Protein backbone atom coordinates (compact mmCIF):
# COMPACT_ATOMS: atom_id res chain seq x y z
CA MET A 1 -152.24 126.69 -6.32
CA GLN A 2 -153.25 126.01 -2.67
CA VAL A 3 -156.65 127.28 -1.57
CA THR A 4 -157.34 128.04 2.10
CA ILE A 5 -160.97 127.72 3.11
CA GLN A 6 -162.03 130.24 5.69
CA PRO A 7 -165.12 129.74 7.87
CA ASP A 8 -168.07 131.79 6.74
CA ASP A 9 -168.91 134.86 8.79
CA GLY A 10 -172.10 133.30 10.12
CA GLY A 11 -170.29 130.17 11.31
CA ALA A 12 -167.48 132.16 12.91
CA LEU A 13 -170.00 134.40 14.66
CA ALA A 14 -171.96 131.39 15.95
CA LEU A 15 -168.74 129.77 17.19
CA SER A 16 -167.75 132.97 18.98
CA ARG A 17 -171.21 133.24 20.53
CA GLY A 18 -171.07 129.60 21.64
CA ARG A 19 -167.76 130.25 23.41
CA GLN A 20 -169.19 133.37 25.08
CA LEU A 21 -172.16 131.38 26.43
CA GLU A 22 -169.82 128.75 27.85
CA VAL A 23 -167.61 131.38 29.51
CA ILE A 24 -170.69 133.00 31.09
CA THR A 25 -171.91 129.59 32.31
CA LEU A 26 -168.47 128.76 33.70
CA GLY A 27 -168.21 132.08 35.53
CA TRP A 28 -171.74 131.89 36.92
CA ASN A 29 -171.18 128.39 38.29
CA ALA A 30 -167.77 129.27 39.73
CA VAL A 31 -169.47 131.95 41.85
CA GLY A 32 -172.34 129.57 42.56
CA VAL A 33 -170.08 126.82 43.94
CA VAL A 34 -168.81 129.20 46.64
CA ILE A 35 -172.31 130.44 47.53
CA LEU A 36 -173.81 126.95 47.52
CA ALA A 37 -170.98 125.49 49.60
CA TYR A 38 -171.55 128.16 52.25
CA ALA A 39 -175.34 127.72 52.15
CA ALA A 40 -175.12 123.90 52.23
CA ILE A 41 -172.80 123.92 55.26
CA GLU A 42 -174.90 126.53 57.07
CA ALA A 43 -178.20 124.73 56.43
CA LYS A 44 -176.74 121.18 56.38
CA SER A 45 -178.72 120.64 53.20
CA VAL A 46 -178.24 117.60 50.95
CA ALA A 47 -180.06 119.34 48.09
CA LEU A 48 -177.82 122.42 48.23
CA ALA A 49 -174.70 120.25 48.47
CA GLY A 50 -175.88 118.21 45.49
CA PHE A 51 -176.68 121.31 43.49
CA GLY A 52 -173.23 122.66 44.36
CA LEU A 53 -171.67 119.47 43.01
CA ASP A 54 -173.84 119.79 39.92
CA SER A 55 -172.40 123.29 39.49
CA VAL A 56 -168.88 121.84 39.72
CA ILE A 57 -169.81 119.39 36.96
CA GLU A 58 -171.27 122.24 34.92
CA ILE A 59 -167.94 124.10 35.28
CA GLY A 60 -166.16 121.00 34.02
CA ALA A 61 -168.66 120.57 31.19
CA SER A 62 -168.20 124.19 30.10
CA ALA A 63 -164.41 123.77 30.19
CA VAL A 64 -164.73 120.57 28.13
CA VAL A 65 -166.91 122.33 25.55
CA LEU A 66 -164.48 125.25 25.29
CA TRP A 67 -161.71 122.71 24.78
CA GLU A 68 -163.77 120.85 22.20
CA LEU A 69 -164.71 124.02 20.30
CA ALA A 70 -161.00 124.77 19.83
CA ASP A 71 -160.73 121.63 17.69
CA ILE A 72 -163.94 120.07 16.40
CA ALA A 73 -162.33 116.73 15.49
CA GLN A 74 -164.67 113.78 15.99
CA ALA A 75 -162.27 112.05 18.41
CA ARG A 76 -162.28 115.10 20.66
CA GLN A 77 -166.09 115.29 20.56
CA LEU A 78 -166.41 111.66 21.69
CA LYS A 79 -163.92 112.13 24.52
CA ALA A 80 -165.69 115.30 25.65
CA MET A 81 -169.07 113.53 25.76
CA ARG A 82 -167.62 110.66 27.82
CA MET A 83 -166.03 113.06 30.30
CA ILE A 84 -169.35 114.85 30.86
CA GLY A 85 -171.22 111.54 31.22
CA SER A 86 -168.74 110.11 33.74
CA ALA A 87 -169.03 113.20 35.93
CA PHE A 88 -172.80 112.77 36.08
CA VAL A 89 -172.46 109.11 37.09
CA ALA A 90 -170.23 110.16 40.00
CA LEU A 91 -172.75 112.82 41.06
CA ALA A 92 -175.64 110.32 40.96
CA ILE A 93 -173.78 107.78 43.12
CA TYR A 94 -172.87 110.38 45.74
CA LEU A 95 -176.36 111.90 45.96
CA CYS A 96 -178.16 108.57 46.06
CA ALA A 97 -176.06 107.47 49.04
CA GLN A 98 -176.29 110.82 50.83
CA SER A 99 -180.04 111.31 50.34
CA THR A 100 -180.76 107.76 51.53
CA LEU A 101 -178.63 108.26 54.64
CA VAL A 102 -180.39 111.54 55.50
CA LEU A 103 -183.86 109.98 55.09
CA VAL A 104 -182.95 106.91 57.18
CA VAL A 105 -181.42 108.98 59.98
CA GLY A 106 -184.21 111.57 59.78
CA PHE A 107 -181.83 114.52 59.78
CA ARG A 108 -183.60 117.87 59.45
CA PRO A 109 -181.84 120.61 57.45
CA HIS A 110 -182.06 124.24 58.51
CA HIS A 111 -183.65 127.13 56.62
CA SER A 112 -181.41 128.81 53.99
CA SER A 113 -182.40 132.27 52.72
CA ILE A 114 -179.27 132.58 50.59
CA GLY A 115 -179.96 129.15 49.09
CA ILE A 116 -183.50 130.15 48.16
CA VAL A 117 -182.39 133.42 46.52
CA TRP A 118 -179.45 131.87 44.64
CA THR A 119 -181.37 128.88 43.28
CA ALA A 120 -184.22 131.15 42.12
CA VAL A 121 -181.85 133.48 40.23
CA THR A 122 -179.84 130.53 38.90
CA ALA A 123 -182.95 128.84 37.48
CA VAL A 124 -183.73 131.92 35.37
CA ALA A 125 -180.10 132.32 34.23
CA MET A 126 -179.66 128.64 33.32
CA PHE A 127 -182.86 128.48 31.25
CA ALA A 128 -181.73 131.54 29.29
CA LEU A 129 -178.22 130.14 28.73
CA ALA A 130 -179.61 126.72 27.73
CA SER A 131 -181.81 128.30 25.10
CA GLY A 132 -178.86 130.16 23.61
CA LYS A 133 -176.66 127.04 23.58
CA ALA A 134 -179.36 124.96 21.89
CA ARG A 135 -179.73 127.60 19.19
CA ILE A 136 -175.98 128.01 18.59
CA GLY A 137 -175.32 124.25 18.81
CA ALA A 138 -177.95 123.63 16.13
CA ALA A 139 -176.48 126.37 13.92
CA LEU A 140 -172.99 124.83 14.23
CA GLU A 141 -174.32 121.24 14.11
CA ASN A 142 -172.11 120.61 17.14
CA PRO A 143 -173.30 117.65 19.28
CA VAL A 144 -171.13 118.57 22.27
CA LEU A 145 -172.44 122.12 22.50
CA LYS A 146 -176.01 120.83 22.12
CA ALA A 147 -175.41 118.21 24.83
CA GLU A 148 -173.94 120.81 27.17
CA GLY A 149 -176.97 122.98 26.43
CA ARG A 150 -179.11 120.11 27.74
CA VAL A 151 -176.86 119.94 30.81
CA THR A 152 -177.52 123.65 31.39
CA MET A 153 -181.26 123.09 30.92
CA ILE A 154 -181.09 120.33 33.53
CA ASP A 155 -179.20 122.75 35.77
CA GLY A 156 -182.19 125.09 35.50
CA ILE A 157 -184.65 122.26 36.24
CA LEU A 158 -182.58 121.18 39.23
CA ALA A 159 -182.38 124.75 40.51
CA THR A 160 -186.18 124.84 40.39
CA ALA A 161 -186.43 121.49 42.17
CA VAL A 162 -183.94 122.51 44.85
CA LEU A 163 -185.78 125.81 45.29
CA SER A 164 -189.05 123.91 45.81
CA GLY A 165 -187.43 121.68 48.44
CA LEU A 166 -185.92 124.65 50.28
CA VAL A 167 -189.21 126.57 50.26
CA LEU A 168 -191.20 123.53 51.47
CA ASN A 169 -188.69 122.94 54.26
CA ALA A 170 -188.63 126.61 55.29
CA PHE A 171 -192.33 127.41 55.16
CA ALA A 172 -194.13 124.08 55.57
CA GLY A 173 -191.60 122.22 57.73
CA TRP A 174 -191.30 119.39 55.20
CA TRP A 175 -187.71 118.43 56.10
CA TRP A 176 -187.85 115.35 53.85
CA ALA A 177 -188.30 117.57 50.77
CA ASP A 178 -184.57 118.35 50.91
CA PRO A 179 -183.23 114.77 50.50
CA VAL A 180 -186.06 113.92 48.10
CA THR A 181 -184.79 116.75 45.91
CA GLY A 182 -181.46 114.91 45.95
CA TYR A 183 -183.20 111.96 44.27
CA VAL A 184 -184.56 114.30 41.60
CA ILE A 185 -180.98 115.33 40.85
CA VAL A 186 -179.97 111.64 40.74
CA TYR A 187 -182.65 110.93 38.13
CA TYR A 188 -181.59 113.75 35.84
CA ALA A 189 -177.89 113.03 36.36
CA LEU A 190 -178.31 109.39 35.31
CA ARG A 191 -180.45 110.35 32.34
CA GLU A 192 -177.87 112.84 31.11
CA ALA A 193 -175.01 110.40 31.79
CA ARG A 194 -176.73 107.77 29.66
CA GLY A 195 -177.20 110.22 26.80
CA SER A 196 -173.57 111.38 26.96
CA LEU A 197 -171.95 107.95 27.33
CA LYS A 198 -173.82 106.24 24.49
CA HIS A 199 -172.17 108.50 21.87
């Protein structure tokens, strides 16, 4: 007699909740990419452009996690982690070059009200989503969901850093705070890439 093992209700509920959190993150960042692209072009801001690229990576990471949650085979988990890590390496290389160029040239970004508002709201949203992902990832013992939860937490930290740079530029005239924020993103991107690629 063949016995089919069904997932327990708690595990199925946690899996469903994990998918919901990823869909919310994906949707939020899809809207954010459009807003950040507009704000970055308008203000000519390296930090906003970098944060927009980070949002693109977050969209990819959420898509990867949704793909991984559909089949929790170990091979798929490893591939998912490498994909997330590689995207962060690319982001770090771009931002390092762009921030250095802006500092050397002495280019001064403009004020961006929409950038300030969006990064402030995004910081709150990302911290809340990261907390939920960490909790669900631990319940499912899923390393990819937990790793993507850390990516979302970093997204919140970066939103806070970018917000600080925008506010300092707008109200104190510290133009260099914008590209310096780009280096903050580089640091976190490389740290997360290292954690993802060593799996």
